[in-house]
Amino acid sequence: MDTSATEQRVRGICLGLPEVVERDSHGSPAYFVRGKRGFVHLMAGGHHDAGFPQMWCAAGPGVQQELIAADPERFFRPPYVGHRGWLGVRLDRDPDWSEIAEVCTDAYRAVAPKGLIEKLDGGQ
């Protein structure tokens, strides 16, 4: 999948969540709840020595370890934010876009205020 197609797929997923905005962060698209709390950072062209398309996502407690243990070919501990539990996801190995949407939604849930999570769940 080419870089622009990957970027468009992730953009569509993230901007479909309540009150999400996209901003450039270090030369790559990143997604923020209410413009403040980041939850997905996309590097469709890779990051430094890791030249594969990837995204880094906020994750709940224990999720990073669980997913990396279950599938270390797709998930990894990203630099800079991995120590805070963020999850790295490879996007170069025929990604399951339903799973990518679930990971992005879970990342959103990890940082969004309760009212927006209720809105996401259809409560408002």
C-alpha atoms as a PDB file:
ATOM      1  CA  MET A   1       0.000   0.000   0.000  1.00  0.00           C
ATOM      2  CA  ASP A   2       1.394   3.393  -0.895  1.00  0.00           C
ATOM      3  CA  THR A   3       2.069   6.092   1.670  1.00  0.00           C
ATOM      4  CA  SER A   4      -0.795   8.368   0.627  1.00  0.00           C
ATOM      5  CA  ALA A   5      -3.344   5.523   0.721  1.00  0.00           C
ATOM      6  CA  THR A   6      -2.156   4.489   4.191  1.00  0.00           C
ATOM      7  CA  GLU A   7      -2.339   8.093   5.376  1.00  0.00           C
ATOM      8  CA  GLN A   8      -5.867   8.485   3.979  1.00  0.00           C
ATOM      9  CA  ARG A   9      -7.099   5.298   5.676  1.00  0.00           C
ATOM     10  CA  VAL A  10      -5.737   6.303   9.090  1.00  0.00           C
ATOM     11  CA  ARG A  11      -7.000   9.875   8.640  1.00  0.00           C
ATOM     12  CA  GLY A  12     -10.512   8.634   7.878  1.00  0.00           C
ATOM     13  CA  ILE A  13     -10.538   6.423  10.973  1.00  0.00           C
ATOM     14  CA  CYS A  14      -9.226   9.080  13.349  1.00  0.00           C
ATOM     15  CA  LEU A  15     -11.246  12.031  12.054  1.00  0.00           C
ATOM     16  CA  GLY A  16     -14.385   9.895  12.316  1.00  0.00           C
ATOM     17  CA  LEU A  17     -14.075   9.985  16.113  1.00  0.00           C
ATOM     18  CA  PRO A  18     -15.756  12.791  18.116  1.00  0.00           C
ATOM     19  CA  GLU A  19     -13.931  16.129  18.304  1.00  0.00           C
ATOM     20  CA  VAL A  20     -10.677  14.937  16.753  1.00  0.00           C
ATOM     21  CA  VAL A  21      -8.368  17.298  14.900  1.00  0.00           C
ATOM     22  CA  GLU A  22      -5.331  16.565  12.793  1.00  0.00           C
ATOM     23  CA  ARG A  23      -2.103  18.509  13.256  1.00  0.00           C
ATOM     24  CA  ASP A  24       1.371  18.132  11.917  1.00  0.00           C
ATOM     25  CA  SER A  25       3.757  16.788  14.549  1.00  0.00           C
ATOM     26  CA  HIS A  26       7.415  16.441  13.651  1.00  0.00           C
ATOM     27  CA  GLY A  27       6.552  16.361   9.956  1.00  0.00           C
ATOM     28  CA  SER A  28       3.841  13.696  10.229  1.00  0.00           C
ATOM     29  CA  PRO A  29       0.092  13.714  10.800  1.00  0.00           C
ATOM     30  CA  ALA A  30      -1.011  13.316  14.400  1.00  0.00           C
ATOM     31  CA  TYR A  31      -4.500  13.182  15.853  1.00  0.00           C
ATOM     32  CA  PHE A  32      -5.683  14.979  18.968  1.00  0.00           C
ATOM     33  CA  VAL A  33      -8.870  14.932  21.027  1.00  0.00           C
ATOM     34  CA  ARG A  34     -10.183  18.500  21.271  1.00  0.00           C
ATOM     35  CA  GLY A  35      -6.863  19.627  19.863  1.00  0.00           C
ATOM     36  CA  LYS A  36      -5.027  18.864  23.097  1.00  0.00           C
ATOM     37  CA  ARG A  37      -4.542  15.187  23.898  1.00  0.00           C
ATOM     38  CA  GLY A  38      -2.698  13.194  21.258  1.00  0.00           C
ATOM     39  CA  PHE A  39      -3.736   9.608  20.661  1.00  0.00           C
ATOM     40  CA  VAL A  40      -2.321   8.570  17.251  1.00  0.00           C
ATOM     41  CA  HIS A  41       0.855   9.644  15.491  1.00  0.00           C
ATOM     42  CA  LEU A  42       1.233   8.362  11.931  1.00  0.00           C
ATOM     43  CA  MET A  43       4.548   7.924  10.171  1.00  0.00           C
ATOM     44  CA  ALA A  44       3.482   6.545   6.796  1.00  0.00           C
ATOM     45  CA  GLY A  45       7.014   6.967   5.449  1.00  0.00           C
ATOM     46  CA  GLY A  46       8.671   5.354   8.474  1.00  0.00           C
ATOM     47  CA  HIS A  47      10.708   6.740  11.335  1.00  0.00           C
ATOM     48  CA  HIS A  48      14.496   7.123  11.194  1.00  0.00           C
ATOM     49  CA  ASP A  49      16.064   3.664  10.811  1.00  0.00           C
ATOM     50  CA  ALA A  50      12.660   1.949  10.901  1.00  0.00           C
ATOM     51  CA  GLY A  51      11.702   2.778   7.325  1.00  0.00           C
ATOM     52  CA  PHE A  52       8.385   0.937   7.358  1.00  0.00           C
ATOM     53  CA  PRO A  53       4.976   2.673   7.594  1.00  0.00           C
ATOM     54  CA  GLN A  54       3.867   2.789  11.219  1.00  0.00           C
ATOM     55  CA  MET A  55       1.688   4.501  13.754  1.00  0.00           C
ATOM     56  CA  TRP A  56       2.125   5.030  17.455  1.00  0.00           C
ATOM     57  CA  CYS A  57      -1.014   4.914  19.590  1.00  0.00           C
ATOM     58  CA  ALA A  58      -1.955   5.653  23.165  1.00  0.00           C
ATOM     59  CA  ALA A  59      -2.912   2.432  24.939  1.00  0.00           C
ATOM     60  CA  GLY A  60      -4.446   1.386  28.210  1.00  0.00           C
ATOM     61  CA  PRO A  61      -2.449  -0.304  30.970  1.00  0.00           C
ATOM     62  CA  GLY A  62      -0.953  -3.622  29.864  1.00  0.00           C
ATOM     63  CA  VAL A  63      -2.174  -3.394  26.253  1.00  0.00           C
ATOM     64  CA  GLN A  64       1.270  -2.725  24.794  1.00  0.00           C
ATOM     65  CA  GLN A  65       2.794  -5.796  26.437  1.00  0.00           C
ATOM     66  CA  GLU A  66      -0.175  -8.007  25.580  1.00  0.00           C
ATOM     67  CA  LEU A  67      -0.243  -7.149  21.877  1.00  0.00           C
ATOM     68  CA  ILE A  68       3.525  -7.281  21.423  1.00  0.00           C
ATOM     69  CA  ALA A  69       3.604 -10.718  23.086  1.00  0.00           C
ATOM     70  CA  ALA A  70       0.718 -11.916  20.888  1.00  0.00           C
ATOM     71  CA  ASP A  71       2.140 -10.638  17.579  1.00  0.00           C
ATOM     72  CA  PRO A  72       5.647  -9.109  17.654  1.00  0.00           C
ATOM     73  CA  GLU A  73       5.698  -9.003  13.845  1.00  0.00           C
ATOM     74  CA  ARG A  74       2.963  -6.337  13.831  1.00  0.00           C
ATOM     75  CA  PHE A  75       3.250  -4.589  17.189  1.00  0.00           C
ATOM     76  CA  PHE A  76       6.272  -2.990  18.874  1.00  0.00           C
ATOM     77  CA  ARG A  77       7.322  -0.629  21.648  1.00  0.00           C
ATOM     78  CA  PRO A  78       7.881   2.733  19.947  1.00  0.00           C
ATOM     79  CA  PRO A  79      10.748   5.037  20.875  1.00  0.00           C
ATOM     80  CA  TYR A  80      10.067   8.185  22.914  1.00  0.00           C
ATOM     81  CA  VAL A  81       6.547   7.172  24.035  1.00  0.00           C
ATOM     82  CA  GLY A  82       6.828   3.412  24.541  1.00  0.00           C
ATOM     83  CA  HIS A  83       7.843   3.842  28.164  1.00  0.00           C
ATOM     84  CA  ARG A  84       4.434   5.480  28.732  1.00  0.00           C
ATOM     85  CA  GLY A  85       2.621   2.424  27.388  1.00  0.00           C
ATOM     86  CA  TRP A  86       2.070   3.623  23.829  1.00  0.00           C
ATOM     87  CA  LEU A  87       1.838   0.931  21.166  1.00  0.00           C
ATOM     88  CA  GLY A  88       3.653   0.842  17.830  1.00  0.00           C
ATOM     89  CA  VAL A  89       1.800  -0.724  14.895  1.00  0.00           C
ATOM     90  CA  ARG A  90       3.412  -1.751  11.621  1.00  0.00           C
ATOM     91  CA  LEU A  91       1.368  -0.763   8.582  1.00  0.00           C
ATOM     92  CA  ASP A  92       3.486  -2.472   5.931  1.00  0.00           C
ATOM     93  CA  ARG A  93       2.332  -6.062   6.357  1.00  0.00           C
ATOM     94  CA  ASP A  94      -1.114  -6.108   4.776  1.00  0.00           C
ATOM     95  CA  PRO A  95      -2.821  -4.436   7.741  1.00  0.00           C
ATOM     96  CA  ASP A  96      -6.230  -5.603   8.842  1.00  0.00           C
ATOM     97  CA  TRP A  97      -8.022  -2.252   8.637  1.00  0.00           C
ATOM     98  CA  SER A  98     -10.773  -3.383  10.994  1.00  0.00           C
ATOM     99  CA  GLU A  99      -8.089  -4.089  13.576  1.00  0.00           C
ATOM    100  CA  ILE A 100      -6.380  -0.754  12.850  1.00  0.00           C
ATOM    101  CA  ALA A 101      -9.713   1.014  13.410  1.00  0.00           C
ATOM    102  CA  GLU A 102     -10.105  -0.826  16.713  1.00  0.00           C
ATOM    103  CA  VAL A 103      -6.577   0.130  17.823  1.00  0.00           C
ATOM    104  CA  CYS A 104      -7.237   3.794  16.941  1.00  0.00           C
ATOM    105  CA  THR A 105     -10.573   3.765  18.751  1.00  0.00           C
ATOM    106  CA  ASP A 106      -8.985   2.179  21.819  1.00  0.00           C
ATOM    107  CA  ALA A 107      -6.250   4.847  21.703  1.00  0.00           C
ATOM    108  CA  TYR A 108      -8.960   7.519  21.592  1.00  0.00           C
ATOM    109  CA  ARG A 109     -10.671   5.942  24.596  1.00  0.00           C
ATOM    110  CA  ALA A 110      -7.350   5.987  26.485  1.00  0.00           C
ATOM    111  CA  VAL A 111      -7.164   9.802  26.364  1.00  0.00           C
ATOM    112  CA  ALA A 112     -10.676  11.169  25.712  1.00  0.00           C
ATOM    113  CA  PRO A 113     -12.778  12.678  28.480  1.00  0.00           C
ATOM    114  CA  LYS A 114     -15.715  10.629  29.747  1.00  0.00           C
ATOM    115  CA  GLY A 115     -18.301  12.761  27.940  1.00  0.00           C
ATOM    116  CA  LEU A 116     -16.723  12.117  24.554  1.00  0.00           C
ATOM    117  CA  ILE A 117     -16.476   8.399  25.236  1.00  0.00           C
ATOM    118  CA  GLU A 118     -20.194   8.438  26.020  1.00  0.00           C
ATOM    119  CA  LYS A 119     -20.782  10.295  22.751  1.00  0.00           C
ATOM    120  CA  LEU A 120     -18.714   7.677  20.906  1.00  0.00           C
ATOM    121  CA  ASP A 121     -20.819   4.947  22.480  1.00  0.00           C
ATOM    122  CA  GLY A 122     -24.027   6.676  21.392  1.00  0.00           C
ATOM    123  CA  GLY A 123     -24.959   8.078  24.793  1.00  0.00           C
ATOM    124  CA  GLN A 124     -25.303  11.702  23.643  1.00  0.00           C
END
